[in-house]
Amino acid sequence: MESHDGYRGAGYVGDTPVRVHLSGRWEPVDGRYHWGGRIEPDPRVARLLRAGHRQVALRIADRVSPARLAEVDPWGGVRITGVGGPPWPPEDEPAATTGAREV
């Protein structure tokens, strides 16, 4: 499910397929769009973060966005944040037609 306010679905952190839950907002203080959310538990992503790799690329459909891994939550999910346009496709551009795969 994607929208202007958020996205829930398939993506990739590097070459690792993941499921994400994201939302975003315009921040009036700096005038930029801030987005973030959670990557569902995946030991490969948690290992990446624990090894010190915080700066990653998040790919959803044909959009690639720089992102930052923040922390592992108690359930094994990883918090992810970014600044810039939303990394998910707009509602009128279904993920199925842009190459996103369900994980």
C-alpha atoms as a PDB file:
ATOM      1  CA  MET A   1       0.000   0.000   0.000  1.00  0.00           C
ATOM      2  CA  GLU A   2       1.481   3.347  -0.937  1.00  0.00           C
ATOM      3  CA  SER A   3       0.315   6.933  -0.503  1.00  0.00           C
ATOM      4  CA  HIS A   4       1.636  10.444  -0.167  1.00  0.00           C
ATOM      5  CA  ASP A   5       1.804   9.922   3.597  1.00  0.00           C
ATOM      6  CA  GLY A   6       3.382   6.499   3.705  1.00  0.00           C
ATOM      7  CA  TYR A   7       4.259   3.141   2.266  1.00  0.00           C
ATOM      8  CA  ARG A   8       4.072  -0.412   3.487  1.00  0.00           C
ATOM      9  CA  GLY A   9       5.588  -3.082   1.300  1.00  0.00           C
ATOM     10  CA  ALA A  10       8.637  -4.450  -0.470  1.00  0.00           C
ATOM     11  CA  GLY A  11      11.989  -2.764  -0.846  1.00  0.00           C
ATOM     12  CA  TYR A  12      15.715  -3.432  -0.846  1.00  0.00           C
ATOM     13  CA  VAL A  13      18.530  -2.317   1.407  1.00  0.00           C
ATOM     14  CA  GLY A  14      21.448  -2.792  -0.961  1.00  0.00           C
ATOM     15  CA  ASP A  15      20.759  -6.233  -2.463  1.00  0.00           C
ATOM     16  CA  THR A  16      18.807  -7.482   0.559  1.00  0.00           C
ATOM     17  CA  PRO A  17      15.027  -7.761   0.030  1.00  0.00           C
ATOM     18  CA  VAL A  18      13.122  -6.244   2.952  1.00  0.00           C
ATOM     19  CA  ARG A  19       9.597  -5.279   4.027  1.00  0.00           C
ATOM     20  CA  VAL A  20       9.241  -1.696   5.199  1.00  0.00           C
ATOM     21  CA  HIS A  21       6.683   0.454   7.011  1.00  0.00           C
ATOM     22  CA  LEU A  22       7.381   4.120   6.221  1.00  0.00           C
ATOM     23  CA  SER A  23       5.783   7.509   6.640  1.00  0.00           C
ATOM     24  CA  GLY A  24       6.934  11.071   6.106  1.00  0.00           C
ATOM     25  CA  ARG A  25       6.222  14.717   6.626  1.00  0.00           C
ATOM     26  CA  TRP A  26       7.342  18.157   5.473  1.00  0.00           C
ATOM     27  CA  GLU A  27       9.456  19.793   8.168  1.00  0.00           C
ATOM     28  CA  PRO A  28       8.766  23.542   8.208  1.00  0.00           C
ATOM     29  CA  VAL A  29      11.983  24.339  10.116  1.00  0.00           C
ATOM     30  CA  ASP A  30      14.307  23.183   7.337  1.00  0.00           C
ATOM     31  CA  GLY A  31      11.791  23.081   4.456  1.00  0.00           C
ATOM     32  CA  ARG A  32      12.585  19.474   3.558  1.00  0.00           C
ATOM     33  CA  TYR A  33      10.669  16.207   3.516  1.00  0.00           C
ATOM     34  CA  HIS A  34      11.698  13.814   6.309  1.00  0.00           C
ATOM     35  CA  TRP A  35      10.667  10.161   6.148  1.00  0.00           C
ATOM     36  CA  GLY A  36      11.333   7.140   8.266  1.00  0.00           C
ATOM     37  CA  GLY A  37       9.973   3.975   9.712  1.00  0.00           C
ATOM     38  CA  ARG A  38      10.878   0.394  10.295  1.00  0.00           C
ATOM     39  CA  ILE A  39      12.357  -2.496   8.381  1.00  0.00           C
ATOM     40  CA  GLU A  40      10.705  -5.734   9.470  1.00  0.00           C
ATOM     41  CA  PRO A  41      13.060  -8.122  11.299  1.00  0.00           C
ATOM     42  CA  ASP A  42      15.832  -9.392   9.043  1.00  0.00           C
ATOM     43  CA  PRO A  43      19.064 -10.690  10.551  1.00  0.00           C
ATOM     44  CA  ARG A  44      21.109  -9.490   7.547  1.00  0.00           C
ATOM     45  CA  VAL A  45      20.033  -5.861   8.058  1.00  0.00           C
ATOM     46  CA  ALA A  46      20.570  -6.057  11.829  1.00  0.00           C
ATOM     47  CA  ARG A  47      24.085  -7.466  11.220  1.00  0.00           C
ATOM     48  CA  LEU A  48      24.804  -4.630   8.783  1.00  0.00           C
ATOM     49  CA  LEU A  49      23.871  -2.048  11.414  1.00  0.00           C
ATOM     50  CA  ARG A  50      25.751  -3.805  14.210  1.00  0.00           C
ATOM     51  CA  ALA A  51      28.849  -3.904  11.978  1.00  0.00           C
ATOM     52  CA  GLY A  52      28.706  -0.091  11.789  1.00  0.00           C
ATOM     53  CA  HIS A  53      27.072   0.385   8.392  1.00  0.00           C
ATOM     54  CA  ARG A  54      24.572   3.174   8.986  1.00  0.00           C
ATOM     55  CA  GLN A  55      24.482   4.870   5.568  1.00  0.00           C
ATOM     56  CA  VAL A  56      22.615   2.673   3.079  1.00  0.00           C
ATOM     57  CA  ALA A  57      20.580   2.933  -0.103  1.00  0.00           C
ATOM     58  CA  LEU A  58      16.885   2.041   0.127  1.00  0.00           C
ATOM     59  CA  ARG A  59      15.303   0.943  -3.159  1.00  0.00           C
ATOM     60  CA  ILE A  60      11.567   0.778  -3.647  1.00  0.00           C
ATOM     61  CA  ALA A  61      10.470   0.027  -7.204  1.00  0.00           C
ATOM     62  CA  ASP A  62      12.730   2.196  -9.401  1.00  0.00           C
ATOM     63  CA  ARG A  63      13.457   4.800  -6.695  1.00  0.00           C
ATOM     64  CA  VAL A  64      16.749   4.704  -4.818  1.00  0.00           C
ATOM     65  CA  SER A  65      17.126   6.957  -1.778  1.00  0.00           C
ATOM     66  CA  PRO A  66      20.001   7.487   0.628  1.00  0.00           C
ATOM     67  CA  ALA A  67      18.971   6.403   4.117  1.00  0.00           C
ATOM     68  CA  ARG A  68      20.353   5.933   7.605  1.00  0.00           C
ATOM     69  CA  LEU A  69      19.922   2.863   9.779  1.00  0.00           C
ATOM     70  CA  ALA A  70      19.281   4.004  13.362  1.00  0.00           C
ATOM     71  CA  GLU A  71      18.806   1.112  15.811  1.00  0.00           C
ATOM     72  CA  VAL A  72      17.532  -2.419  16.211  1.00  0.00           C
ATOM     73  CA  ASP A  73      14.218  -2.550  18.090  1.00  0.00           C
ATOM     74  CA  PRO A  74      13.395  -5.221  20.704  1.00  0.00           C
ATOM     75  CA  TRP A  75      11.664  -7.364  18.031  1.00  0.00           C
ATOM     76  CA  GLY A  76      14.629  -7.365  15.625  1.00  0.00           C
ATOM     77  CA  GLY A  77      13.338  -4.688  13.247  1.00  0.00           C
ATOM     78  CA  VAL A  78      15.607  -1.823  12.236  1.00  0.00           C
ATOM     79  CA  ARG A  79      14.653   1.852  12.284  1.00  0.00           C
ATOM     80  CA  ILE A  80      15.441   3.682   9.040  1.00  0.00           C
ATOM     81  CA  THR A  81      15.331   7.419   8.277  1.00  0.00           C
ATOM     82  CA  GLY A  82      15.926   9.713   5.338  1.00  0.00           C
ATOM     83  CA  VAL A  83      15.575  13.255   4.059  1.00  0.00           C
ATOM     84  CA  GLY A  84      14.431  14.186   0.571  1.00  0.00           C
ATOM     85  CA  GLY A  85      11.532  13.095  -1.576  1.00  0.00           C
ATOM     86  CA  PRO A  86       9.636  10.032  -0.395  1.00  0.00           C
ATOM     87  CA  PRO A  87      11.394   6.819  -1.434  1.00  0.00           C
ATOM     88  CA  TRP A  88       8.105   5.165  -2.412  1.00  0.00           C
ATOM     89  CA  PRO A  89       6.257   5.648  -5.717  1.00  0.00           C
ATOM     90  CA  PRO A  90       3.291   8.026  -5.815  1.00  0.00           C
ATOM     91  CA  GLU A  91      -0.222   6.560  -5.622  1.00  0.00           C
ATOM     92  CA  ASP A  92      -0.780   6.969  -9.365  1.00  0.00           C
ATOM     93  CA  GLU A  93       2.347   4.911 -10.113  1.00  0.00           C
ATOM     94  CA  PRO A  94       1.626   1.381  -8.823  1.00  0.00           C
ATOM     95  CA  ALA A  95       4.670  -0.471  -7.530  1.00  0.00           C
ATOM     96  CA  ALA A  96       3.750  -3.491  -9.685  1.00  0.00           C
ATOM     97  CA  THR A  97       4.426  -1.528 -12.882  1.00  0.00           C
ATOM     98  CA  THR A  98       7.714  -0.071 -11.652  1.00  0.00           C
ATOM     99  CA  GLY A  99       9.510  -3.326 -10.916  1.00  0.00           C
ATOM    100  CA  ALA A 100       8.936  -3.756  -7.178  1.00  0.00           C
ATOM    101  CA  ARG A 101       8.752  -7.338  -6.032  1.00  0.00           C
ATOM    102  CA  GLU A 102       6.885  -8.596  -3.039  1.00  0.00           C
ATOM    103  CA  VAL A 103       9.177 -10.280  -0.553  1.00  0.00           C
END
